[in-house]
Amino acid sequence: MKHVMTAAALIAASLTSLPSQAADVGVSISVGQPGFYGQIDIGGYPPPQVVYPQPVIIQPVPVGLPPLYLRVPPGHMQHWSRYCREYHACGRRVFFVRDDWYNRVYVPHYQQRHFPHHDGYEHRDHHEEHRDEHRDYPRDR
């Protein structure tokens, strides 16, 4: 009985500490940002540069489904049969887009299309700008 109570206490203690260990850090990366991995929409964009000229196919593909264009980490691409489920792409024809094309062509085009009035300085701290303006002035004593 003593062992059962000890085990129950340990389980309860470990369960109460889980929320503090698995804190939400608030990081979110979406399509059109440099660190994004997943499916990208090619419609209306310049033709993508792909890693392989032929699509990668893991399972039989239903007739009429268009191919998917994905940006994935190199390890996922090399072991695609292991990772295709994470992208819901095992039964699809998949083209892997090149990272340099995604960053150089797709990201700027996506941001211009979806955020036309965005000036690229969303993270600028205006308080810091004003502080820097007065850096060279002598202090009042």
C-alpha atoms as a PDB file:
ATOM      1  CA  MET A   1       0.000   0.000   0.000  1.00  0.00           C
ATOM      2  CA  LYS A   2       2.858   2.334   0.833  1.00  0.00           C
ATOM      3  CA  HIS A   3       4.320   1.854  -2.684  1.00  0.00           C
ATOM      4  CA  VAL A   4       0.964   2.645  -4.301  1.00  0.00           C
ATOM      5  CA  MET A   5       0.636   5.885  -2.317  1.00  0.00           C
ATOM      6  CA  THR A   6       4.203   6.903  -3.171  1.00  0.00           C
ATOM      7  CA  ALA A   7       3.626   6.227  -6.869  1.00  0.00           C
ATOM      8  CA  ALA A   8       0.355   8.180  -6.820  1.00  0.00           C
ATOM      9  CA  ALA A   9       2.059  11.125  -5.128  1.00  0.00           C
ATOM     10  CA  LEU A  10       4.882  11.123  -7.693  1.00  0.00           C
ATOM     11  CA  ILE A  11       2.428  11.009 -10.595  1.00  0.00           C
ATOM     12  CA  ALA A  12       0.360  13.850  -9.134  1.00  0.00           C
ATOM     13  CA  ALA A  13       3.469  15.960  -8.565  1.00  0.00           C
ATOM     14  CA  SER A  14       4.725  15.394 -12.085  1.00  0.00           C
ATOM     15  CA  LEU A  15       1.346  16.277 -13.603  1.00  0.00           C
ATOM     16  CA  THR A  16       1.094  19.551 -11.696  1.00  0.00           C
ATOM     17  CA  SER A  17       4.543  20.638 -12.862  1.00  0.00           C
ATOM     18  CA  LEU A  18       3.856  20.010 -16.572  1.00  0.00           C
ATOM     19  CA  PRO A  19       2.110  23.326 -17.351  1.00  0.00           C
ATOM     20  CA  SER A  20       5.041  25.339 -16.046  1.00  0.00           C
ATOM     21  CA  GLN A  21       7.515  23.322 -18.103  1.00  0.00           C
ATOM     22  CA  ALA A  22       5.496  23.481 -21.321  1.00  0.00           C
ATOM     23  CA  ALA A  23       5.057  27.243 -21.408  1.00  0.00           C
ATOM     24  CA  ASP A  24       3.791  28.852 -24.590  1.00  0.00           C
ATOM     25  CA  VAL A  25       6.598  31.037 -25.886  1.00  0.00           C
ATOM     26  CA  GLY A  26       4.355  32.854 -28.362  1.00  0.00           C
ATOM     27  CA  VAL A  27       6.417  32.212 -31.491  1.00  0.00           C
ATOM     28  CA  SER A  28       4.426  32.001 -34.698  1.00  0.00           C
ATOM     29  CA  ILE A  29       5.831  31.771 -38.207  1.00  0.00           C
ATOM     30  CA  SER A  30       3.496  31.841 -41.181  1.00  0.00           C
ATOM     31  CA  VAL A  31       3.759  31.571 -44.947  1.00  0.00           C
ATOM     32  CA  GLY A  32       5.689  34.429 -46.507  1.00  0.00           C
ATOM     33  CA  GLN A  33       8.183  34.604 -43.660  1.00  0.00           C
ATOM     34  CA  PRO A  34      11.752  33.334 -43.972  1.00  0.00           C
ATOM     35  CA  GLY A  35      11.495  30.539 -41.366  1.00  0.00           C
ATOM     36  CA  PHE A  36       8.265  29.015 -42.701  1.00  0.00           C
ATOM     37  CA  TYR A  37       8.062  25.351 -43.715  1.00  0.00           C
ATOM     38  CA  GLY A  38       4.983  23.864 -45.371  1.00  0.00           C
ATOM     39  CA  GLN A  39       2.759  24.242 -48.426  1.00  0.00           C
ATOM     40  CA  ILE A  40       3.008  27.394 -50.482  1.00  0.00           C
ATOM     41  CA  ASP A  41       0.501  28.682 -53.024  1.00  0.00           C
ATOM     42  CA  ILE A  42       2.163  29.148 -56.407  1.00  0.00           C
ATOM     43  CA  GLY A  43      -0.820  30.822 -58.123  1.00  0.00           C
ATOM     44  CA  GLY A  44       0.125  34.291 -59.384  1.00  0.00           C
ATOM     45  CA  TYR A  45       3.802  33.915 -58.549  1.00  0.00           C
ATOM     46  CA  PRO A  46       6.789  33.432 -60.825  1.00  0.00           C
ATOM     47  CA  PRO A  47       7.469  29.755 -61.646  1.00  0.00           C
ATOM     48  CA  PRO A  48       9.215  28.151 -58.682  1.00  0.00           C
ATOM     49  CA  GLN A  49      12.697  26.767 -58.771  1.00  0.00           C
ATOM     50  CA  VAL A  50      12.399  23.209 -57.509  1.00  0.00           C
ATOM     51  CA  VAL A  51      14.954  20.815 -56.052  1.00  0.00           C
ATOM     52  CA  TYR A  52      14.002  17.848 -58.285  1.00  0.00           C
ATOM     53  CA  PRO A  53      12.546  18.239 -61.813  1.00  0.00           C
ATOM     54  CA  GLN A  54      10.078  15.353 -61.253  1.00  0.00           C
ATOM     55  CA  PRO A  55       7.559  15.255 -58.395  1.00  0.00           C
ATOM     56  CA  VAL A  56       8.223  13.015 -55.426  1.00  0.00           C
ATOM     57  CA  ILE A  57       5.466  10.410 -54.965  1.00  0.00           C
ATOM     58  CA  ILE A  58       5.161   8.157 -51.889  1.00  0.00           C
ATOM     59  CA  GLN A  59       1.687   6.614 -52.372  1.00  0.00           C
ATOM     60  CA  PRO A  60      -0.615   6.298 -55.391  1.00  0.00           C
ATOM     61  CA  VAL A  61      -1.973   9.707 -56.381  1.00  0.00           C
ATOM     62  CA  PRO A  62      -5.681  10.188 -57.174  1.00  0.00           C
ATOM     63  CA  VAL A  63      -6.302  11.363 -60.731  1.00  0.00           C
ATOM     64  CA  GLY A  64      -6.758  15.095 -61.157  1.00  0.00           C
ATOM     65  CA  LEU A  65      -5.119  16.323 -57.964  1.00  0.00           C
ATOM     66  CA  PRO A  66      -2.683  19.150 -58.627  1.00  0.00           C
ATOM     67  CA  PRO A  67       0.840  18.840 -57.249  1.00  0.00           C
ATOM     68  CA  LEU A  68       1.832  20.421 -53.962  1.00  0.00           C
ATOM     69  CA  TYR A  69       4.712  22.852 -53.692  1.00  0.00           C
ATOM     70  CA  LEU A  70       6.384  22.536 -50.323  1.00  0.00           C
ATOM     71  CA  ARG A  71       9.273  24.109 -48.506  1.00  0.00           C
ATOM     72  CA  VAL A  72      10.647  21.618 -46.006  1.00  0.00           C
ATOM     73  CA  PRO A  73      13.864  21.241 -44.006  1.00  0.00           C
ATOM     74  CA  PRO A  74      16.577  19.232 -45.798  1.00  0.00           C
ATOM     75  CA  GLY A  75      16.200  16.268 -43.430  1.00  0.00           C
ATOM     76  CA  HIS A  76      12.492  16.008 -44.229  1.00  0.00           C
ATOM     77  CA  MET A  77      13.198  16.090 -47.945  1.00  0.00           C
ATOM     78  CA  GLN A  78      15.845  13.360 -47.702  1.00  0.00           C
ATOM     79  CA  HIS A  79      13.537  11.069 -45.710  1.00  0.00           C
ATOM     80  CA  TRP A  80      10.244  12.143 -47.277  1.00  0.00           C
ATOM     81  CA  SER A  81       8.440   8.837 -46.678  1.00  0.00           C
ATOM     82  CA  ARG A  82       8.984   9.375 -42.948  1.00  0.00           C
ATOM     83  CA  TYR A  83       7.726  13.000 -42.905  1.00  0.00           C
ATOM     84  CA  CYS A  84       5.069  13.226 -45.643  1.00  0.00           C
ATOM     85  CA  ARG A  85       2.253  12.604 -43.121  1.00  0.00           C
ATOM     86  CA  GLU A  86       3.157  15.771 -41.213  1.00  0.00           C
ATOM     87  CA  TYR A  87       2.406  17.755 -44.382  1.00  0.00           C
ATOM     88  CA  HIS A  88      -0.678  15.690 -45.406  1.00  0.00           C
ATOM     89  CA  ALA A  89       1.169  14.924 -48.634  1.00  0.00           C
ATOM     90  CA  CYS A  90       1.823  11.169 -48.792  1.00  0.00           C
ATOM     91  CA  GLY A  91      -0.772  10.617 -51.524  1.00  0.00           C
ATOM     92  CA  ARG A  92       0.194  13.701 -53.538  1.00  0.00           C
ATOM     93  CA  ARG A  93       2.750  14.668 -56.142  1.00  0.00           C
ATOM     94  CA  VAL A  94       5.187  16.935 -54.327  1.00  0.00           C
ATOM     95  CA  PHE A  95       7.679  19.457 -55.639  1.00  0.00           C
ATOM     96  CA  PHE A  96      10.158  20.806 -53.122  1.00  0.00           C
ATOM     97  CA  VAL A  97      10.896  24.479 -53.737  1.00  0.00           C
ATOM     98  CA  ARG A  98      14.444  25.687 -53.334  1.00  0.00           C
ATOM     99  CA  ASP A  99      15.208  27.761 -50.239  1.00  0.00           C
ATOM    100  CA  ASP A 100      16.998  30.457 -52.210  1.00  0.00           C
ATOM    101  CA  TRP A 101      13.966  30.886 -54.532  1.00  0.00           C
ATOM    102  CA  TYR A 102      11.583  30.998 -51.561  1.00  0.00           C
ATOM    103  CA  ASN A 103      13.615  33.667 -49.735  1.00  0.00           C
ATOM    104  CA  ARG A 104      14.634  35.716 -52.775  1.00  0.00           C
ATOM    105  CA  VAL A 105      11.420  35.579 -54.868  1.00  0.00           C
ATOM    106  CA  TYR A 106       8.432  34.177 -52.989  1.00  0.00           C
ATOM    107  CA  VAL A 107       8.784  35.995 -49.634  1.00  0.00           C
ATOM    108  CA  PRO A 108       9.134  39.525 -51.091  1.00  0.00           C
ATOM    109  CA  HIS A 109       6.362  38.893 -53.634  1.00  0.00           C
ATOM    110  CA  TYR A 110       4.065  37.447 -50.944  1.00  0.00           C
ATOM    111  CA  GLN A 111       4.677  40.352 -48.564  1.00  0.00           C
ATOM    112  CA  GLN A 112       4.129  42.926 -51.303  1.00  0.00           C
ATOM    113  CA  ARG A 113       0.911  41.210 -52.365  1.00  0.00           C
ATOM    114  CA  HIS A 114      -0.533  40.719 -48.867  1.00  0.00           C
ATOM    115  CA  PHE A 115       0.909  43.759 -47.081  1.00  0.00           C
ATOM    116  CA  PRO A 116       1.160  46.466 -49.780  1.00  0.00           C
ATOM    117  CA  HIS A 117       1.508  49.388 -47.339  1.00  0.00           C
ATOM    118  CA  HIS A 118       3.959  47.650 -45.038  1.00  0.00           C
ATOM    119  CA  ASP A 119       7.232  49.584 -44.849  1.00  0.00           C
ATOM    120  CA  GLY A 120       9.315  46.772 -43.375  1.00  0.00           C
ATOM    121  CA  TYR A 121       9.907  48.525 -40.046  1.00  0.00           C
ATOM    122  CA  GLU A 122       7.192  46.957 -37.922  1.00  0.00           C
ATOM    123  CA  HIS A 123       9.617  46.089 -35.140  1.00  0.00           C
ATOM    124  CA  ARG A 124      11.316  49.476 -34.913  1.00  0.00           C
ATOM    125  CA  ASP A 125      11.227  50.917 -31.433  1.00  0.00           C
ATOM    126  CA  HIS A 126      10.304  54.585 -31.858  1.00  0.00           C
ATOM    127  CA  HIS A 127      11.390  55.324 -28.282  1.00  0.00           C
ATOM    128  CA  GLU A 128      14.910  54.246 -29.236  1.00  0.00           C
ATOM    129  CA  GLU A 129      14.847  56.598 -32.248  1.00  0.00           C
ATOM    130  CA  HIS A 130      14.053  59.615 -30.077  1.00  0.00           C
ATOM    131  CA  ARG A 131      16.685  58.687 -27.520  1.00  0.00           C
ATOM    132  CA  ASP A 132      19.312  58.472 -30.254  1.00  0.00           C
ATOM    133  CA  GLU A 133      18.401  61.951 -31.559  1.00  0.00           C
ATOM    134  CA  HIS A 134      19.609  63.498 -28.290  1.00  0.00           C
ATOM    135  CA  ARG A 135      22.742  61.449 -27.857  1.00  0.00           C
ATOM    136  CA  ASP A 136      25.182  64.153 -29.006  1.00  0.00           C
ATOM    137  CA  TYR A 137      23.661  67.038 -27.060  1.00  0.00           C
ATOM    138  CA  PRO A 138      25.464  68.146 -23.870  1.00  0.00           C
ATOM    139  CA  ARG A 139      23.652  67.308 -20.670  1.00  0.00           C
ATOM    140  CA  ASP A 140      22.153  70.057 -18.551  1.00  0.00           C
ATOM    141  CA  ARG A 141      23.976  70.271 -15.231  1.00  0.00           C
END
